């Protein structure tokens, strides 16, 4: 779901119709707290799994940066 949808009145009305006790979380909270917290958990879990592995190899077949520079 696109996070920007969270702050729209149509979404709040829809969620309120589904559950009148539901308190909608703001886009700012989702963007600034919840998503970064989930990213940290996923990163930590991935590092924990990789720490138990040996002979890891990383390959990269080019690409570009957000600034549209080739790598």
PDB file of N, CA and C in Angstrom:
ATOM      1  N   UNK A   1       0.844  -1.172   0.000  1.00  0.00           N
ATOM      2  CA  UNK A   1       0.000   0.000   0.000  1.00  0.00           C
ATOM      3  C   UNK A   1       0.894   1.242   0.000  1.00  0.00           C
ATOM      4  N   UNK A   2       0.511   2.228  -0.747  1.00  0.00           N
ATOM      5  CA  UNK A   2       1.255   3.479  -0.800  1.00  0.00           C
ATOM      6  C   UNK A   2       1.059   4.211   0.528  1.00  0.00           C
ATOM      7  N   UNK A   3       2.156   4.572   1.231  1.00  0.00           N
ATOM      8  CA  UNK A   3       1.998   5.239   2.532  1.00  0.00           C
ATOM      9  C   UNK A   3       1.207   6.532   2.478  1.00  0.00           C
ATOM     10  N   UNK A   4       1.256   7.265   1.378  1.00  0.00           N
ATOM     11  CA  UNK A   4       0.531   8.538   1.287  1.00  0.00           C
ATOM     12  C   UNK A   4      -0.981   8.342   1.400  1.00  0.00           C
ATOM     13  N   UNK A   5      -1.474   7.159   1.129  1.00  0.00           N
ATOM     14  CA  UNK A   5      -2.899   6.867   1.234  1.00  0.00           C
ATOM     15  C   UNK A   5      -3.393   6.976   2.679  1.00  0.00           C
ATOM     16  N   UNK A   6      -2.501   6.760   3.611  1.00  0.00           N
ATOM     17  CA  UNK A   6      -2.847   6.736   5.033  1.00  0.00           C
ATOM     18  C   UNK A   6      -3.480   8.036   5.510  1.00  0.00           C
ATOM     19  N   UNK A   7      -3.016   9.165   5.022  1.00  0.00           N
ATOM     20  CA  UNK A   7      -3.526  10.464   5.497  1.00  0.00           C
ATOM     21  C   UNK A   7      -4.762  10.953   4.751  1.00  0.00           C
ATOM     22  N   UNK A   8      -5.229  10.213   3.788  1.00  0.00           N
ATOM     23  CA  UNK A   8      -6.406  10.651   3.026  1.00  0.00           C
ATOM     24  C   UNK A   8      -7.688  10.341   3.791  1.00  0.00           C
ATOM     25  N   UNK A   9      -8.630  11.265   3.682  1.00  0.00           N
ATOM     26  CA  UNK A   9      -9.905  11.110   4.388  1.00  0.00           C
ATOM     27  C   UNK A   9     -10.655   9.856   3.950  1.00  0.00           C
ATOM     28  N   UNK A  10     -10.559   9.500   2.676  1.00  0.00           N
ATOM     29  CA  UNK A  10     -11.275   8.314   2.198  1.00  0.00           C
ATOM     30  C   UNK A  10     -10.765   7.049   2.905  1.00  0.00           C
ATOM     31  N   UNK A  11      -9.448   7.011   3.167  1.00  0.00           N
ATOM     32  CA  UNK A  11      -8.878   5.855   3.878  1.00  0.00           C
ATOM     33  C   UNK A  11      -9.357   5.834   5.328  1.00  0.00           C
ATOM     34  N   UNK A  12      -9.323   6.986   5.966  1.00  0.00           N
ATOM     35  CA  UNK A  12      -9.749   7.069   7.367  1.00  0.00           C
ATOM     36  C   UNK A  12     -11.226   6.694   7.499  1.00  0.00           C
ATOM     37  N   UNK A  13     -12.049   7.144   6.544  1.00  0.00           N
ATOM     38  CA  UNK A  13     -13.469   6.793   6.556  1.00  0.00           C
ATOM     39  C   UNK A  13     -13.659   5.302   6.349  1.00  0.00           C
ATOM     40  N   UNK A  14     -12.935   4.744   5.387  1.00  0.00           N
ATOM     41  CA  UNK A  14     -13.006   3.308   5.108  1.00  0.00           C
ATOM     42  C   UNK A  14     -12.639   2.499   6.348  1.00  0.00           C
ATOM     43  N   UNK A  15     -11.515   2.842   6.976  1.00  0.00           N
ATOM     44  CA  UNK A  15     -11.072   2.111   8.162  1.00  0.00           C
ATOM     45  C   UNK A  15     -12.050   2.314   9.324  1.00  0.00           C
ATOM     46  N   UNK A  16     -12.604   3.509   9.437  1.00  0.00           N
ATOM     47  CA  UNK A  16     -13.593   3.772  10.489  1.00  0.00           C
ATOM     48  C   UNK A  16     -14.862   2.954  10.293  1.00  0.00           C
ATOM     49  N   UNK A  17     -15.236   2.721   9.039  1.00  0.00           N
ATOM     50  CA  UNK A  17     -16.402   1.884   8.754  1.00  0.00           C
ATOM     51  C   UNK A  17     -16.130   0.418   9.089  1.00  0.00           C
ATOM     52  N   UNK A  18     -14.902  -0.013   8.870  1.00  0.00           N
ATOM     53  CA  UNK A  18     -14.544  -1.400   9.190  1.00  0.00           C
ATOM     54  C   UNK A  18     -14.497  -1.630  10.702  1.00  0.00           C
ATOM     55  N   UNK A  19     -13.925  -0.641  11.398  1.00  0.00           N
ATOM     56  CA  UNK A  19     -13.786  -0.764  12.841  1.00  0.00           C
ATOM     57  C   UNK A  19     -13.850   0.632  13.461  1.00  0.00           C
ATOM     58  N   UNK A  20     -14.978   1.003  14.040  1.00  0.00           N
ATOM     59  CA  UNK A  20     -15.129   2.349  14.604  1.00  0.00           C
ATOM     60  C   UNK A  20     -14.125   2.668  15.717  1.00  0.00           C
ATOM     61  N   UNK A  21     -13.549   1.662  16.348  1.00  0.00           N
ATOM     62  CA  UNK A  21     -12.575   1.892  17.427  1.00  0.00           C
ATOM     63  C   UNK A  21     -11.153   2.083  16.893  1.00  0.00           C
ATOM     64  N   UNK A  22     -10.952   1.872  15.592  1.00  0.00           N
ATOM     65  CA  UNK A  22      -9.619   1.982  14.998  1.00  0.00           C
ATOM     66  C   UNK A  22      -9.135   3.427  15.009  1.00  0.00           C
ATOM     67  N   UNK A  23      -7.947   3.647  15.514  1.00  0.00           N
ATOM     68  CA  UNK A  23      -7.322   4.964  15.498  1.00  0.00           C
ATOM     69  C   UNK A  23      -6.250   4.945  14.414  1.00  0.00           C
ATOM     70  N   UNK A  24      -6.471   5.686  13.351  1.00  0.00           N
ATOM     71  CA  UNK A  24      -5.553   5.690  12.216  1.00  0.00           C
ATOM     72  C   UNK A  24      -4.184   6.232  12.617  1.00  0.00           C
ATOM     73  N   UNK A  25      -3.153   5.552  12.147  1.00  0.00           N
ATOM     74  CA  UNK A  25      -1.783   5.989  12.360  1.00  0.00           C
ATOM     75  C   UNK A  25      -1.440   7.003  11.277  1.00  0.00           C
ATOM     76  N   UNK A  26      -0.771   8.077  11.662  1.00  0.00           N
ATOM     77  CA  UNK A  26      -0.451   9.131  10.693  1.00  0.00           C
ATOM     78  C   UNK A  26       0.681   8.693   9.768  1.00  0.00           C
ATOM     79  N   UNK A  27       0.719   9.318   8.607  1.00  0.00           N
ATOM     80  CA  UNK A  27       1.793   9.059   7.651  1.00  0.00           C
ATOM     81  C   UNK A  27       3.143   9.378   8.280  1.00  0.00           C
ATOM     82  N   UNK A  28       3.218  10.452   9.030  1.00  0.00           N
ATOM     83  CA  UNK A  28       4.486  10.841   9.666  1.00  0.00           C
ATOM     84  C   UNK A  28       4.981   9.743  10.597  1.00  0.00           C
ATOM     85  N   UNK A  29       4.105   9.154  11.382  1.00  0.00           N
ATOM     86  CA  UNK A  29       4.503   8.071  12.289  1.00  0.00           C
ATOM     87  C   UNK A  29       4.962   6.850  11.500  1.00  0.00           C
ATOM     88  N   UNK A  30       4.230   6.509  10.459  1.00  0.00           N
ATOM     89  CA  UNK A  30       4.596   5.353   9.642  1.00  0.00           C
ATOM     90  C   UNK A  30       5.938   5.589   8.966  1.00  0.00           C
ATOM     91  N   UNK A  31       6.090   6.764   8.346  1.00  0.00           N
ATOM     92  CA  UNK A  31       7.301   7.082   7.593  1.00  0.00           C
ATOM     93  C   UNK A  31       8.518   7.263   8.492  1.00  0.00           C
ATOM     94  N   UNK A  32       8.348   7.931   9.634  1.00  0.00           N
ATOM     95  CA  UNK A  32       9.491   8.295  10.468  1.00  0.00           C
ATOM     96  C   UNK A  32       9.817   7.295  11.568  1.00  0.00           C
ATOM     97  N   UNK A  33       8.852   6.454  11.942  1.00  0.00           N
ATOM     98  CA  UNK A  33       9.091   5.519  13.050  1.00  0.00           C
ATOM     99  C   UNK A  33       8.907   4.058  12.670  1.00  0.00           C
ATOM    100  N   UNK A  34       7.731   3.718  12.136  1.00  0.00           N
ATOM    101  CA  UNK A  34       7.411   2.306  11.921  1.00  0.00           C
ATOM    102  C   UNK A  34       8.234   1.666  10.803  1.00  0.00           C
ATOM    103  N   UNK A  35       8.337   2.336   9.649  1.00  0.00           N
ATOM    104  CA  UNK A  35       9.108   1.761   8.544  1.00  0.00           C
ATOM    105  C   UNK A  35      10.591   1.655   8.910  1.00  0.00           C
ATOM    106  N   UNK A  36      11.231   2.709   9.450  1.00  0.00           N
ATOM    107  CA  UNK A  36      12.641   2.561   9.835  1.00  0.00           C
ATOM    108  C   UNK A  36      12.862   1.474  10.898  1.00  0.00           C
ATOM    109  N   UNK A  37      11.933   1.321  11.812  1.00  0.00           N
ATOM    110  CA  UNK A  37      12.068   0.270  12.827  1.00  0.00           C
ATOM    111  C   UNK A  37      12.014  -1.114  12.185  1.00  0.00           C
ATOM    112  N   UNK A  38      11.114  -1.291  11.220  1.00  0.00           N
ATOM    113  CA  UNK A  38      11.012  -2.584  10.532  1.00  0.00           C
ATOM    114  C   UNK A  38      12.254  -2.847   9.689  1.00  0.00           C
ATOM    115  N   UNK A  39      12.783  -1.816   9.040  1.00  0.00           N
ATOM    116  CA  UNK A  39      14.019  -1.963   8.259  1.00  0.00           C
ATOM    117  C   UNK A  39      15.152  -2.419   9.176  1.00  0.00           C
ATOM    118  N   UNK A  40      15.242  -1.840  10.367  1.00  0.00           N
ATOM    119  CA  UNK A  40      16.295  -2.222  11.309  1.00  0.00           C
ATOM    120  C   UNK A  40      16.166  -3.679  11.734  1.00  0.00           C
ATOM    121  N   UNK A  41      14.953  -4.145  11.952  1.00  0.00           N
ATOM    122  CA  UNK A  41      14.730  -5.548  12.336  1.00  0.00           C
ATOM    123  C   UNK A  41      15.147  -6.487  11.206  1.00  0.00           C
ATOM    124  N   UNK A  42      14.743  -6.170   9.992  1.00  0.00           N
ATOM    125  CA  UNK A  42      15.085  -7.021   8.841  1.00  0.00           C
ATOM    126  C   UNK A  42      16.593  -7.036   8.635  1.00  0.00           C
ATOM    127  N   UNK A  43      17.232  -5.882   8.748  1.00  0.00           N
ATOM    128  CA  UNK A  43      18.686  -5.798   8.582  1.00  0.00           C
ATOM    129  C   UNK A  43      19.395  -6.626   9.648  1.00  0.00           C
ATOM    130  N   UNK A  44      18.969  -6.475  10.888  1.00  0.00           N
ATOM    131  CA  UNK A  44      19.576  -7.236  11.989  1.00  0.00           C
ATOM    132  C   UNK A  44      19.427  -8.734  11.766  1.00  0.00           C
ATOM    133  N   UNK A  45      18.233  -9.165  11.368  1.00  0.00           N
ATOM    134  CA  UNK A  45      17.995 -10.593  11.128  1.00  0.00           C
ATOM    135  C   UNK A  45      18.853 -11.116   9.983  1.00  0.00           C
ATOM    136  N   UNK A  46      18.995 -10.321   8.918  1.00  0.00           N
ATOM    137  CA  UNK A  46      19.820 -10.738   7.781  1.00  0.00           C
ATOM    138  C   UNK A  46      21.283 -10.865   8.199  1.00  0.00           C
ATOM    139  N   UNK A  47      21.768  -9.921   8.984  1.00  0.00           N
ATOM    140  CA  UNK A  47      23.149  -9.976   9.459  1.00  0.00           C
ATOM    141  C   UNK A  47      23.353 -11.185  10.359  1.00  0.00           C
ATOM    142  N   UNK A  48      22.399 -11.472  11.221  1.00  0.00           N
ATOM    143  CA  UNK A  48      22.507 -12.653  12.092  1.00  0.00           C
ATOM    144  C   UNK A  48      22.598 -13.941  11.282  1.00  0.00           C
ATOM    145  N   UNK A  49      21.809 -14.052  10.226  1.00  0.00           N
ATOM    146  CA  UNK A  49      21.857 -15.246   9.371  1.00  0.00           C
ATOM    147  C   UNK A  49      23.211 -15.326   8.666  1.00  0.00           C
ATOM    148  N   UNK A  50      23.666 -14.217   8.108  1.00  0.00           N
ATOM    149  CA  UNK A  50      24.923 -14.211   7.362  1.00  0.00           C
ATOM    150  C   UNK A  50      26.138 -14.463   8.242  1.00  0.00           C
ATOM    151  N   UNK A  51      26.074 -14.074   9.513  1.00  0.00           N
ATOM    152  CA  UNK A  51      27.198 -14.320  10.430  1.00  0.00           C
ATOM    153  C   UNK A  51      27.472 -15.807  10.600  1.00  0.00           C
ATOM    154  N   UNK A  52      26.465 -16.624  10.405  1.00  0.00           N
ATOM    155  CA  UNK A  52      26.632 -18.065  10.564  1.00  0.00           C
ATOM    156  C   UNK A  52      27.085 -18.771   9.299  1.00  0.00           C
ATOM    157  N   UNK A  53      27.305 -18.029   8.236  1.00  0.00           N
ATOM    158  CA  UNK A  53      27.704 -18.617   6.955  1.00  0.00           C
ATOM    159  C   UNK A  53      29.188 -18.391   6.700  1.00  0.00           C
ATOM    160  N   UNK A  54      29.758 -19.245   5.855  1.00  0.00           N
ATOM    161  CA  UNK A  54      31.163 -19.132   5.498  1.00  0.00           C
ATOM    162  C   UNK A  54      31.290 -19.029   3.987  1.00  0.00           C
ATOM    163  N   UNK A  55      32.410 -18.476   3.523  1.00  0.00           N
ATOM    164  CA  UNK A  55      32.708 -18.368   2.099  1.00  0.00           C
ATOM    165  C   UNK A  55      31.610 -17.639   1.322  1.00  0.00           C
ATOM    166  N   UNK A  56      31.188 -16.526   1.842  1.00  0.00           N
ATOM    167  CA  UNK A  56      30.169 -15.732   1.157  1.00  0.00           C
ATOM    168  C   UNK A  56      30.790 -15.001  -0.028  1.00  0.00           C
ATOM    169  N   UNK A  57      30.066 -14.917  -1.115  1.00  0.00           N
ATOM    170  CA  UNK A  57      30.515 -14.203  -2.305  1.00  0.00           C
ATOM    171  C   UNK A  57      29.434 -13.218  -2.707  1.00  0.00           C
ATOM    172  N   UNK A  58      29.845 -12.030  -3.042  1.00  0.00           N
ATOM    173  CA  UNK A  58      28.924 -10.997  -3.497  1.00  0.00           C
ATOM    174  C   UNK A  58      29.277 -10.650  -4.929  1.00  0.00           C
ATOM    175  N   UNK A  59      28.296 -10.712  -5.809  1.00  0.00           N
ATOM    176  CA  UNK A  59      28.530 -10.311  -7.195  1.00  0.00           C
ATOM    177  C   UNK A  59      27.639  -9.125  -7.512  1.00  0.00           C
ATOM    178  N   UNK A  60      28.105  -8.341  -8.469  1.00  0.00           N
ATOM    179  CA  UNK A  60      27.360  -7.143  -8.849  1.00  0.00           C
ATOM    180  C   UNK A  60      27.533  -6.946 -10.335  1.00  0.00           C
ATOM    181  N   UNK A  61      26.436  -6.777 -11.044  1.00  0.00           N
ATOM    182  CA  UNK A  61      26.477  -6.672 -12.493  1.00  0.00           C
ATOM    183  C   UNK A  61      26.091  -5.277 -12.963  1.00  0.00           C
ATOM    184  N   UNK A  62      26.656  -4.275 -12.335  1.00  0.00           N
ATOM    185  CA  UNK A  62      26.405  -2.903 -12.750  1.00  0.00           C
ATOM    186  C   UNK A  62      25.074  -2.367 -12.277  1.00  0.00           C
ATOM    187  N   UNK A  63      24.804  -1.169 -12.667  1.00  0.00           N
ATOM    188  CA  UNK A  63      23.569  -0.510 -12.273  1.00  0.00           C
ATOM    189  C   UNK A  63      23.782   0.991 -12.296  1.00  0.00           C
ATOM    190  N   UNK A  64      22.931   1.707 -11.608  1.00  0.00           N
ATOM    191  CA  UNK A  64      23.097   3.156 -11.530  1.00  0.00           C
ATOM    192  C   UNK A  64      22.653   3.629 -10.160  1.00  0.00           C
ATOM    193  N   UNK A  65      23.181   4.790  -9.792  1.00  0.00           N
ATOM    194  CA  UNK A  65      22.832   5.384  -8.507  1.00  0.00           C
ATOM    195  C   UNK A  65      21.533   6.164  -8.649  1.00  0.00           C
ATOM    196  N   UNK A  66      21.030   6.661  -7.557  1.00  0.00           N
ATOM    197  CA  UNK A  66      19.819   7.499  -7.616  1.00  0.00           C
ATOM    198  C   UNK A  66      20.070   8.774  -8.400  1.00  0.00           C
ATOM    199  N   UNK A  67      21.348   9.171  -8.477  1.00  0.00           N
ATOM    200  CA  UNK A  67      21.707  10.353  -9.251  1.00  0.00           C
ATOM    201  C   UNK A  67      21.914  10.039 -10.728  1.00  0.00           C
ATOM    202  N   UNK A  68      21.525   8.836 -11.145  1.00  0.00           N
ATOM    203  CA  UNK A  68      21.607   8.400 -12.542  1.00  0.00           C
ATOM    204  C   UNK A  68      23.047   8.277 -13.036  1.00  0.00           C
ATOM    205  N   UNK A  69      23.973   7.953 -12.132  1.00  0.00           N
ATOM    206  CA  UNK A  69      25.361   7.717 -12.523  1.00  0.00           C
ATOM    207  C   UNK A  69      25.588   6.218 -12.628  1.00  0.00           C
ATOM    208  N   UNK A  70      26.224   5.799 -13.704  1.00  0.00           N
ATOM    209  CA  UNK A  70      26.483   4.373 -13.914  1.00  0.00           C
ATOM    210  C   UNK A  70      27.534   3.874 -12.926  1.00  0.00           C
ATOM    211  N   UNK A  71      27.368   2.622 -12.530  1.00  0.00           N
ATOM    212  CA  UNK A  71      28.332   1.958 -11.647  1.00  0.00           C
ATOM    213  C   UNK A  71      28.863   0.760 -12.396  1.00  0.00           C
TER     214      UNK A  71
END
